[in-house]
Amino acid sequence: MLPEIDSAVGFLSNILRATINGQRLSPEQMGQFQSSLVDAFRLRCNGHWFPERPLRGSAYRCIRIVHSTLDRDLASAGTAAGVSESALRSLLPPELTLWIDPDEVSYRIGEDGSVGIIYDARSAGDSNANVVRSSPVESPSPSAKYSGLHQHVSSDSVGLRLSPDTVNAEYLNLYAHTT
């Protein structure tokens, strides 16, 4: 359960590392946000984690942002870090679904977006699998709003897979036209 939670928190942290309209979390705020989110996700998954039946309990473990309304655990982690809900809403996508399941963590940005895989333990032994480090890089386009979604590829972190870039570009293009 911990690798899945760590990859979900890392994914959300990478999004929050982006700077939008000059807003950025301080390193202390980021650390507190991550710590609070790990604790919240552990509590959320406890009693709802069934490795032998990964889809059982998946609705309970699903993290959602719908119409910019934050999931309760995201809002609580933001409050613990001293970040207002409005600031979090401005830094996170207005529509996001994050599934934390045994052996796999996946996400979808937008209601009609493609599903991207963040973590897949089943491919950890596959030497051809793409792997992701948690440190973000700047977006190739300085106008991209969620530059934290672009990540380094490395073979150091076993079990983390790079999500298709088309998911990120698809969302960024859609979002850029609606704002």
N, C-alpha and C. Protein backbone atom coordinates (compact mmCIF):
# COMPACT_ATOMS: atom_id res chain seq x y z
N MET A 1 0.82 -1.19 0.00
CA MET A 1 0.00 0.00 0.00
C MET A 1 0.87 1.27 0.00
N LEU A 2 2.01 1.23 0.65
CA LEU A 2 2.86 2.43 0.73
C LEU A 2 3.42 2.89 -0.61
N PRO A 3 3.89 1.98 -1.47
CA PRO A 3 4.38 2.46 -2.78
C PRO A 3 3.28 3.15 -3.59
N GLU A 4 2.07 2.62 -3.51
CA GLU A 4 0.96 3.21 -4.23
C GLU A 4 0.64 4.61 -3.69
N ILE A 5 0.59 4.72 -2.37
CA ILE A 5 0.29 6.01 -1.75
C ILE A 5 1.41 7.01 -2.05
N ASP A 6 2.65 6.57 -1.94
CA ASP A 6 3.78 7.46 -2.24
C ASP A 6 3.73 7.97 -3.67
N SER A 7 3.37 7.11 -4.62
CA SER A 7 3.32 7.55 -6.01
C SER A 7 2.16 8.52 -6.23
N ALA A 8 1.03 8.30 -5.57
CA ALA A 8 -0.11 9.22 -5.70
C ALA A 8 0.25 10.60 -5.12
N VAL A 9 0.87 10.61 -3.95
CA VAL A 9 1.28 11.87 -3.32
C VAL A 9 2.34 12.56 -4.17
N GLY A 10 3.27 11.81 -4.72
CA GLY A 10 4.30 12.38 -5.60
C GLY A 10 3.69 13.02 -6.84
N PHE A 11 2.70 12.36 -7.42
CA PHE A 11 2.02 12.89 -8.59
C PHE A 11 1.35 14.23 -8.28
N LEU A 12 0.59 14.27 -7.17
CA LEU A 12 -0.08 15.50 -6.78
C LEU A 12 0.93 16.60 -6.43
N SER A 13 2.02 16.22 -5.80
CA SER A 13 3.07 17.19 -5.45
C SER A 13 3.70 17.79 -6.69
N ASN A 14 3.90 16.98 -7.71
CA ASN A 14 4.46 17.49 -8.97
C ASN A 14 3.54 18.52 -9.60
N ILE A 15 2.26 18.30 -9.52
CA ILE A 15 1.32 19.29 -10.05
C ILE A 15 1.42 20.58 -9.24
N LEU A 16 1.50 20.45 -7.92
CA LEU A 16 1.54 21.63 -7.05
C LEU A 16 2.85 22.40 -7.16
N ARG A 17 3.89 21.79 -7.69
CA ARG A 17 5.16 22.49 -7.86
C ARG A 17 5.10 23.51 -9.00
N ALA A 18 4.08 23.42 -9.82
CA ALA A 18 3.92 24.39 -10.91
C ALA A 18 3.61 25.76 -10.31
N THR A 19 4.02 26.79 -11.00
CA THR A 19 3.72 28.15 -10.57
C THR A 19 2.66 28.72 -11.50
N ILE A 20 1.56 29.16 -10.93
CA ILE A 20 0.49 29.76 -11.70
C ILE A 20 0.21 31.14 -11.12
N ASN A 21 0.30 32.15 -11.94
CA ASN A 21 0.08 33.53 -11.49
C ASN A 21 0.94 33.86 -10.27
N GLY A 22 2.16 33.38 -10.26
CA GLY A 22 3.08 33.69 -9.17
C GLY A 22 2.85 32.91 -7.89
N GLN A 23 1.85 32.04 -7.86
CA GLN A 23 1.58 31.25 -6.66
C GLN A 23 2.47 30.02 -6.65
N ARG A 24 3.02 29.73 -5.49
CA ARG A 24 3.84 28.54 -5.34
C ARG A 24 3.88 28.17 -3.86
N LEU A 25 3.85 26.89 -3.56
CA LEU A 25 3.96 26.46 -2.17
C LEU A 25 5.41 26.54 -1.73
N SER A 26 5.64 26.95 -0.50
CA SER A 26 7.00 26.97 0.04
C SER A 26 7.43 25.53 0.30
N PRO A 27 8.73 25.27 0.43
CA PRO A 27 9.18 23.91 0.73
C PRO A 27 8.56 23.37 2.03
N GLU A 28 8.38 24.24 3.02
CA GLU A 28 7.77 23.80 4.28
C GLU A 28 6.31 23.42 4.07
N GLN A 29 5.60 24.24 3.30
CA GLN A 29 4.20 23.93 3.01
C GLN A 29 4.09 22.63 2.22
N MET A 30 4.98 22.45 1.25
CA MET A 30 4.95 21.24 0.44
C MET A 30 5.20 20.01 1.32
N GLY A 31 6.19 20.09 2.21
CA GLY A 31 6.47 18.97 3.10
C GLY A 31 5.30 18.64 4.01
N GLN A 32 4.66 19.66 4.56
CA GLN A 32 3.51 19.43 5.43
C GLN A 32 2.33 18.87 4.63
N PHE A 33 2.12 19.39 3.42
CA PHE A 33 1.05 18.89 2.56
C PHE A 33 1.27 17.40 2.27
N GLN A 34 2.50 17.05 1.88
CA GLN A 34 2.80 15.65 1.55
C GLN A 34 2.60 14.75 2.77
N SER A 35 3.11 15.16 3.91
CA SER A 35 2.99 14.36 5.12
C SER A 35 1.52 14.15 5.51
N SER A 36 0.75 15.22 5.46
CA SER A 36 -0.68 15.13 5.79
C SER A 36 -1.42 14.24 4.81
N LEU A 37 -1.05 14.35 3.53
CA LEU A 37 -1.73 13.55 2.51
C LEU A 37 -1.39 12.07 2.64
N VAL A 38 -0.14 11.74 2.95
CA VAL A 38 0.23 10.34 3.17
C VAL A 38 -0.59 9.77 4.33
N ASP A 39 -0.67 10.51 5.42
CA ASP A 39 -1.46 10.04 6.58
C ASP A 39 -2.93 9.86 6.21
N ALA A 40 -3.49 10.82 5.50
CA ALA A 40 -4.90 10.75 5.12
C ALA A 40 -5.17 9.58 4.18
N PHE A 41 -4.28 9.37 3.20
CA PHE A 41 -4.47 8.26 2.26
C PHE A 41 -4.31 6.91 2.96
N ARG A 42 -3.40 6.83 3.92
CA ARG A 42 -3.24 5.57 4.67
C ARG A 42 -4.52 5.25 5.43
N LEU A 43 -5.09 6.25 6.08
CA LEU A 43 -6.36 6.04 6.79
C LEU A 43 -7.48 5.67 5.82
N ARG A 44 -7.49 6.32 4.68
CA ARG A 44 -8.53 6.08 3.69
C ARG A 44 -8.46 4.65 3.15
N CYS A 45 -7.25 4.17 2.93
CA CYS A 45 -7.07 2.83 2.35
C CYS A 45 -7.18 1.72 3.39
N ASN A 46 -6.90 2.04 4.65
CA ASN A 46 -6.95 1.04 5.71
C ASN A 46 -8.37 0.46 5.81
N GLY A 47 -8.46 -0.85 5.72
CA GLY A 47 -9.76 -1.51 5.75
C GLY A 47 -10.44 -1.57 4.39
N HIS A 48 -9.82 -0.96 3.39
CA HIS A 48 -10.38 -0.94 2.03
C HIS A 48 -9.31 -1.34 1.03
N TRP A 49 -8.40 -2.19 1.44
CA TRP A 49 -7.26 -2.60 0.62
C TRP A 49 -7.29 -4.11 0.47
N PHE A 50 -7.53 -4.60 -0.74
CA PHE A 50 -7.68 -6.02 -0.98
C PHE A 50 -6.81 -6.44 -2.17
N PRO A 51 -5.53 -6.75 -1.91
CA PRO A 51 -4.63 -7.10 -3.02
C PRO A 51 -5.12 -8.27 -3.87
N GLU A 52 -5.86 -9.20 -3.25
CA GLU A 52 -6.36 -10.34 -4.02
C GLU A 52 -7.53 -9.95 -4.92
N ARG A 53 -8.20 -8.83 -4.63
CA ARG A 53 -9.30 -8.30 -5.44
C ARG A 53 -9.12 -6.78 -5.55
N PRO A 54 -8.20 -6.31 -6.40
CA PRO A 54 -7.81 -4.89 -6.43
C PRO A 54 -8.95 -3.90 -6.68
N LEU A 55 -9.99 -4.29 -7.38
CA LEU A 55 -11.07 -3.35 -7.65
C LEU A 55 -12.03 -3.20 -6.47
N ARG A 56 -12.02 -4.15 -5.56
CA ARG A 56 -12.89 -4.06 -4.38
C ARG A 56 -12.46 -2.85 -3.54
N GLY A 57 -13.38 -1.98 -3.26
CA GLY A 57 -13.10 -0.79 -2.47
C GLY A 57 -12.52 0.36 -3.27
N SER A 58 -12.44 0.22 -4.60
CA SER A 58 -11.79 1.25 -5.41
C SER A 58 -12.55 2.57 -5.38
N ALA A 59 -13.86 2.55 -5.28
CA ALA A 59 -14.62 3.80 -5.23
C ALA A 59 -14.28 4.58 -3.96
N TYR A 60 -14.07 3.88 -2.87
CA TYR A 60 -13.73 4.54 -1.61
C TYR A 60 -12.33 5.15 -1.67
N ARG A 61 -11.42 4.48 -2.38
CA ARG A 61 -10.04 4.96 -2.48
C ARG A 61 -9.84 6.01 -3.58
N CYS A 62 -10.86 6.30 -4.34
CA CYS A 62 -10.78 7.24 -5.45
C CYS A 62 -10.74 8.68 -4.93
N ILE A 63 -9.79 9.45 -5.43
CA ILE A 63 -9.63 10.86 -5.07
C ILE A 63 -10.18 11.68 -6.23
N ARG A 64 -11.10 12.62 -5.94
CA ARG A 64 -11.72 13.38 -7.03
C ARG A 64 -11.68 14.88 -6.77
N ILE A 65 -11.48 15.59 -7.85
CA ILE A 65 -11.74 17.02 -7.90
C ILE A 65 -12.78 17.17 -9.00
N VAL A 66 -13.96 17.65 -8.64
CA VAL A 66 -15.05 17.79 -9.58
C VAL A 66 -15.53 19.23 -9.56
N HIS A 67 -15.54 19.86 -10.73
CA HIS A 67 -15.94 21.28 -10.84
C HIS A 67 -15.19 22.12 -9.81
N SER A 68 -13.90 21.88 -9.68
CA SER A 68 -13.01 22.58 -8.76
C SER A 68 -13.34 22.35 -7.28
N THR A 69 -14.22 21.39 -6.97
CA THR A 69 -14.50 21.04 -5.58
C THR A 69 -13.50 19.97 -5.17
N LEU A 70 -12.70 20.29 -4.16
CA LEU A 70 -11.62 19.40 -3.74
C LEU A 70 -12.12 18.22 -2.92
N ASP A 71 -11.44 17.10 -3.10
CA ASP A 71 -11.63 15.93 -2.25
C ASP A 71 -11.31 16.34 -0.81
N ARG A 72 -12.01 15.75 0.15
CA ARG A 72 -11.84 16.14 1.56
C ARG A 72 -10.40 15.97 2.04
N ASP A 73 -9.70 14.93 1.58
CA ASP A 73 -8.32 14.72 2.02
C ASP A 73 -7.37 15.77 1.44
N LEU A 74 -7.61 16.19 0.21
CA LEU A 74 -6.79 17.26 -0.38
C LEU A 74 -7.01 18.57 0.36
N ALA A 75 -8.28 18.87 0.65
CA ALA A 75 -8.59 20.11 1.37
C ALA A 75 -7.98 20.10 2.76
N SER A 76 -8.07 18.97 3.47
CA SER A 76 -7.51 18.86 4.82
C SER A 76 -5.99 18.99 4.81
N ALA A 77 -5.34 18.36 3.83
CA ALA A 77 -3.88 18.45 3.73
C ALA A 77 -3.46 19.88 3.42
N GLY A 78 -4.23 20.57 2.60
CA GLY A 78 -3.95 21.97 2.31
C GLY A 78 -4.08 22.83 3.56
N THR A 79 -5.13 22.61 4.33
CA THR A 79 -5.34 23.35 5.57
C THR A 79 -4.19 23.10 6.54
N ALA A 80 -3.76 21.85 6.67
CA ALA A 80 -2.64 21.51 7.56
C ALA A 80 -1.35 22.19 7.13
N ALA A 81 -1.21 22.44 5.83
CA ALA A 81 -0.01 23.09 5.31
C ALA A 81 -0.14 24.61 5.27
N GLY A 82 -1.30 25.12 5.70
CA GLY A 82 -1.50 26.56 5.68
C GLY A 82 -1.81 27.11 4.31
N VAL A 83 -2.40 26.27 3.46
CA VAL A 83 -2.75 26.68 2.10
C VAL A 83 -4.28 26.68 2.00
N SER A 84 -4.83 27.77 1.57
CA SER A 84 -6.28 27.88 1.47
C SER A 84 -6.82 26.98 0.36
N GLU A 85 -8.10 26.64 0.47
CA GLU A 85 -8.74 25.84 -0.57
C GLU A 85 -8.71 26.56 -1.91
N SER A 86 -8.91 27.88 -1.89
CA SER A 86 -8.91 28.62 -3.15
C SER A 86 -7.53 28.57 -3.81
N ALA A 87 -6.47 28.65 -3.00
CA ALA A 87 -5.12 28.54 -3.56
C ALA A 87 -4.89 27.15 -4.14
N LEU A 88 -5.32 26.10 -3.43
CA LEU A 88 -5.18 24.73 -3.96
C LEU A 88 -5.97 24.57 -5.25
N ARG A 89 -7.19 25.10 -5.27
CA ARG A 89 -8.01 24.98 -6.49
C ARG A 89 -7.34 25.67 -7.68
N SER A 90 -6.62 26.76 -7.43
CA SER A 90 -5.96 27.45 -8.53
C SER A 90 -4.73 26.69 -9.03
N LEU A 91 -4.16 25.83 -8.19
CA LEU A 91 -2.96 25.09 -8.56
C LEU A 91 -3.27 23.71 -9.13
N LEU A 92 -4.43 23.15 -8.79
CA LEU A 92 -4.79 21.80 -9.25
C LEU A 92 -5.77 21.89 -10.42
N PRO A 93 -5.80 20.86 -11.25
CA PRO A 93 -6.77 20.85 -12.35
C PRO A 93 -8.20 20.90 -11.80
N PRO A 94 -9.13 21.53 -12.50
CA PRO A 94 -10.51 21.62 -12.02
C PRO A 94 -11.24 20.28 -12.06
N GLU A 95 -10.76 19.35 -12.85
CA GLU A 95 -11.34 18.00 -12.96
C GLU A 95 -10.21 16.99 -12.90
N LEU A 96 -10.17 16.19 -11.85
CA LEU A 96 -9.11 15.19 -11.70
C LEU A 96 -9.68 13.98 -10.96
N THR A 97 -9.37 12.80 -11.46
CA THR A 97 -9.71 11.55 -10.78
C THR A 97 -8.41 10.78 -10.60
N LEU A 98 -8.17 10.32 -9.38
CA LEU A 98 -6.96 9.58 -9.04
C LEU A 98 -7.38 8.30 -8.35
N TRP A 99 -7.02 7.16 -8.94
CA TRP A 99 -7.36 5.86 -8.37
C TRP A 99 -6.13 5.27 -7.70
N ILE A 100 -6.23 4.94 -6.42
CA ILE A 100 -5.15 4.29 -5.68
C ILE A 100 -5.60 2.86 -5.43
N ASP A 101 -5.11 1.95 -6.23
CA ASP A 101 -5.49 0.54 -6.14
C ASP A 101 -4.27 -0.32 -5.87
N PRO A 102 -4.47 -1.51 -5.30
CA PRO A 102 -3.32 -2.41 -5.09
C PRO A 102 -2.59 -2.66 -6.42
N ASP A 103 -1.30 -2.42 -6.43
CA ASP A 103 -0.41 -2.64 -7.57
C ASP A 103 -0.57 -1.64 -8.71
N GLU A 104 -1.48 -0.65 -8.59
CA GLU A 104 -1.63 0.31 -9.67
C GLU A 104 -2.23 1.63 -9.17
N VAL A 105 -1.65 2.73 -9.64
CA VAL A 105 -2.20 4.06 -9.39
C VAL A 105 -2.37 4.70 -10.76
N SER A 106 -3.56 5.22 -11.02
CA SER A 106 -3.83 5.84 -12.32
C SER A 106 -4.62 7.13 -12.11
N TYR A 107 -4.69 7.92 -13.16
CA TYR A 107 -5.37 9.20 -13.08
C TYR A 107 -6.04 9.53 -14.40
N ARG A 108 -6.98 10.48 -14.30
CA ARG A 108 -7.61 11.04 -15.50
C ARG A 108 -7.81 12.52 -15.22
N ILE A 109 -7.38 13.36 -16.12
CA ILE A 109 -7.60 14.80 -16.01
C ILE A 109 -8.72 15.15 -16.97
N GLY A 110 -9.79 15.73 -16.44
CA GLY A 110 -10.98 16.02 -17.23
C GLY A 110 -11.89 14.82 -17.22
N GLU A 111 -13.16 15.06 -17.42
CA GLU A 111 -14.12 13.96 -17.41
C GLU A 111 -14.00 13.06 -18.62
N ASP A 112 -13.50 13.60 -19.73
CA ASP A 112 -13.39 12.82 -20.96
C ASP A 112 -11.94 12.49 -21.31
N GLY A 113 -11.02 12.74 -20.38
CA GLY A 113 -9.61 12.51 -20.65
C GLY A 113 -9.24 11.04 -20.68
N SER A 114 -8.08 10.78 -21.20
CA SER A 114 -7.54 9.42 -21.21
C SER A 114 -7.04 9.08 -19.82
N VAL A 115 -6.96 7.81 -19.52
CA VAL A 115 -6.44 7.35 -18.23
C VAL A 115 -4.94 7.12 -18.38
N GLY A 116 -4.18 7.72 -17.47
CA GLY A 116 -2.73 7.53 -17.45
C GLY A 116 -2.34 6.72 -16.23
N ILE A 117 -1.29 5.93 -16.36
CA ILE A 117 -0.83 5.10 -15.25
C ILE A 117 0.40 5.76 -14.63
N ILE A 118 0.34 5.94 -13.32
CA ILE A 118 1.45 6.54 -12.57
C ILE A 118 2.33 5.45 -11.99
N TYR A 119 1.72 4.39 -11.49
CA TYR A 119 2.45 3.31 -10.82
C TYR A 119 1.84 1.99 -11.26
N ASP A 120 2.69 1.05 -11.62
CA ASP A 120 2.23 -0.28 -12.00
C ASP A 120 3.25 -1.29 -11.49
N ALA A 121 2.94 -1.92 -10.37
CA ALA A 121 3.87 -2.86 -9.76
C ALA A 121 4.08 -4.09 -10.62
N ARG A 122 3.11 -4.43 -11.44
CA ARG A 122 3.22 -5.62 -12.29
C ARG A 122 4.30 -5.46 -13.34
N SER A 123 4.62 -4.23 -13.73
CA SER A 123 5.64 -4.03 -14.75
C SER A 123 7.00 -3.74 -14.14
N ALA A 124 7.11 -3.79 -12.81
CA ALA A 124 8.37 -3.47 -12.14
C ALA A 124 9.52 -4.35 -12.62
N GLY A 125 9.23 -5.58 -12.97
CA GLY A 125 10.27 -6.48 -13.43
C GLY A 125 10.55 -6.36 -14.91
N ASP A 126 9.73 -5.58 -15.62
CA ASP A 126 9.87 -5.40 -17.06
C ASP A 126 10.96 -4.37 -17.32
N SER A 127 12.07 -4.79 -17.91
CA SER A 127 13.18 -3.86 -18.14
C SER A 127 12.85 -2.82 -19.21
N ASN A 128 11.78 -3.04 -19.97
CA ASN A 128 11.39 -2.08 -20.99
C ASN A 128 10.42 -1.02 -20.48
N ALA A 129 9.98 -1.14 -19.22
CA ALA A 129 9.00 -0.19 -18.68
C ALA A 129 9.65 1.16 -18.44
N ASN A 130 8.89 2.20 -18.74
CA ASN A 130 9.34 3.55 -18.42
C ASN A 130 9.12 3.80 -16.95
N VAL A 131 10.05 4.50 -16.33
CA VAL A 131 9.93 4.76 -14.91
C VAL A 131 10.05 6.26 -14.65
N VAL A 132 9.41 6.71 -13.59
CA VAL A 132 9.36 8.13 -13.31
C VAL A 132 10.03 8.44 -11.98
N ARG A 133 10.83 9.50 -11.96
CA ARG A 133 11.35 10.05 -10.72
C ARG A 133 10.38 11.11 -10.25
N SER A 134 10.34 11.39 -8.97
CA SER A 134 9.37 12.34 -8.46
C SER A 134 9.78 13.79 -8.66
N SER A 135 10.99 14.08 -9.11
CA SER A 135 11.38 15.48 -9.27
C SER A 135 10.85 16.01 -10.60
N PRO A 136 10.22 17.20 -10.56
CA PRO A 136 9.64 17.75 -11.78
C PRO A 136 10.69 18.44 -12.64
N VAL A 137 10.37 18.66 -13.89
CA VAL A 137 11.20 19.47 -14.76
C VAL A 137 10.31 20.55 -15.33
N GLU A 138 10.92 21.57 -15.84
CA GLU A 138 10.13 22.64 -16.43
C GLU A 138 9.50 22.14 -17.72
N SER A 139 8.34 22.63 -17.99
CA SER A 139 7.63 22.28 -19.20
C SER A 139 8.38 22.82 -20.41
N PRO A 140 8.37 22.10 -21.53
CA PRO A 140 9.01 22.62 -22.71
C PRO A 140 8.34 23.93 -23.16
N SER A 141 7.09 24.14 -22.81
CA SER A 141 6.38 25.35 -23.16
C SER A 141 6.21 26.21 -21.92
N PRO A 142 6.77 27.42 -21.88
CA PRO A 142 6.66 28.24 -20.68
C PRO A 142 5.23 28.64 -20.36
N SER A 143 4.31 28.52 -21.31
CA SER A 143 2.93 28.90 -21.04
C SER A 143 2.10 27.76 -20.46
N ALA A 144 2.67 26.56 -20.38
CA ALA A 144 1.91 25.42 -19.85
C ALA A 144 1.59 25.65 -18.38
N LYS A 145 0.33 25.42 -18.00
CA LYS A 145 -0.10 25.71 -16.64
C LYS A 145 0.32 24.64 -15.64
N TYR A 146 0.49 23.42 -16.05
CA TYR A 146 0.80 22.35 -15.11
C TYR A 146 2.13 21.71 -15.49
N SER A 147 3.21 22.49 -15.38
CA SER A 147 4.53 22.01 -15.80
C SER A 147 5.00 20.84 -14.95
N GLY A 148 4.45 20.67 -13.74
CA GLY A 148 4.85 19.55 -12.88
C GLY A 148 4.45 18.21 -13.45
N LEU A 149 3.57 18.20 -14.46
CA LEU A 149 3.15 16.94 -15.05
C LEU A 149 4.23 16.34 -15.95
N HIS A 150 5.18 17.17 -16.40
CA HIS A 150 6.26 16.67 -17.24
C HIS A 150 7.37 16.19 -16.31
N GLN A 151 7.76 14.92 -16.43
CA GLN A 151 8.67 14.35 -15.45
C GLN A 151 9.87 13.69 -16.13
N HIS A 152 10.96 13.56 -15.35
CA HIS A 152 12.16 12.86 -15.82
C HIS A 152 11.87 11.37 -15.99
N VAL A 153 12.50 10.75 -16.96
CA VAL A 153 12.45 9.31 -17.09
C VAL A 153 13.75 8.76 -16.55
N SER A 154 13.64 7.76 -15.71
CA SER A 154 14.82 7.18 -15.07
C SER A 154 14.55 5.70 -14.83
N SER A 155 15.60 4.93 -14.73
CA SER A 155 15.43 3.52 -14.40
C SER A 155 15.74 3.28 -12.94
N ASP A 156 15.87 4.39 -12.15
CA ASP A 156 16.20 4.24 -10.73
C ASP A 156 15.03 3.77 -9.89
N SER A 157 13.81 4.21 -10.20
CA SER A 157 12.65 3.97 -9.35
C SER A 157 11.84 2.81 -9.90
N VAL A 158 12.04 1.66 -9.38
CA VAL A 158 11.37 0.46 -9.87
C VAL A 158 9.88 0.55 -9.58
N GLY A 159 9.06 0.26 -10.57
CA GLY A 159 7.63 0.18 -10.39
C GLY A 159 6.86 1.43 -10.77
N LEU A 160 7.51 2.55 -11.01
CA LEU A 160 6.80 3.74 -11.43
C LEU A 160 6.92 3.89 -12.94
N ARG A 161 5.77 4.06 -13.59
CA ARG A 161 5.78 4.18 -15.05
C ARG A 161 5.40 5.57 -15.48
N LEU A 162 6.01 6.02 -16.55
CA LEU A 162 5.69 7.32 -17.11
C LEU A 162 4.34 7.24 -17.80
N SER A 163 3.46 8.17 -17.48
CA SER A 163 2.16 8.24 -18.13
C SER A 163 2.34 8.83 -19.52
N PRO A 164 1.45 8.51 -20.43
CA PRO A 164 1.60 9.01 -21.80
C PRO A 164 1.58 10.53 -21.82
N ASP A 165 2.53 11.14 -22.55
CA ASP A 165 2.56 12.59 -22.66
C ASP A 165 1.30 13.13 -23.32
N THR A 166 0.66 12.31 -24.15
CA THR A 166 -0.53 12.78 -24.83
C THR A 166 -1.64 13.11 -23.85
N VAL A 167 -1.70 12.44 -22.71
CA VAL A 167 -2.71 12.75 -21.71
C VAL A 167 -2.49 14.16 -21.21
N ASN A 168 -1.25 14.49 -20.88
CA ASN A 168 -0.94 15.81 -20.36
C ASN A 168 -1.16 16.89 -21.42
N ALA A 169 -0.66 16.67 -22.62
CA ALA A 169 -0.82 17.65 -23.69
C ALA A 169 -2.29 17.82 -24.04
N GLU A 170 -3.02 16.71 -24.07
CA GLU A 170 -4.45 16.77 -24.38
C GLU A 170 -5.17 17.65 -23.36
N TYR A 171 -4.88 17.46 -22.09
CA TYR A 171 -5.53 18.25 -21.06
C TYR A 171 -5.11 19.72 -21.16
N LEU A 172 -3.81 19.97 -21.29
CA LEU A 172 -3.32 21.33 -21.34
C LEU A 172 -3.94 22.09 -22.51
N ASN A 173 -4.05 21.45 -23.66
CA ASN A 173 -4.65 22.10 -24.82
C ASN A 173 -6.13 22.38 -24.58
N LEU A 174 -6.84 21.43 -24.00
CA LEU A 174 -8.26 21.61 -23.69
C LEU A 174 -8.43 22.73 -22.67
N TYR A 175 -7.63 22.70 -21.60
CA TYR A 175 -7.74 23.68 -20.54
C TYR A 175 -7.39 25.08 -21.04
N ALA A 176 -6.38 25.20 -21.89
CA ALA A 176 -5.96 26.50 -22.41
C ALA A 176 -7.06 27.16 -23.22
N HIS A 177 -7.90 26.36 -23.87
CA HIS A 177 -8.98 26.91 -24.69
C HIS A 177 -10.21 27.27 -23.89
N THR A 178 -10.32 26.76 -22.65
CA THR A 178 -11.52 27.01 -21.86
C THR A 178 -11.32 28.09 -20.81
N THR A 179 -10.08 28.58 -20.65
CA THR A 179 -9.85 29.61 -19.63
C THR A 179 -9.69 30.97 -20.24
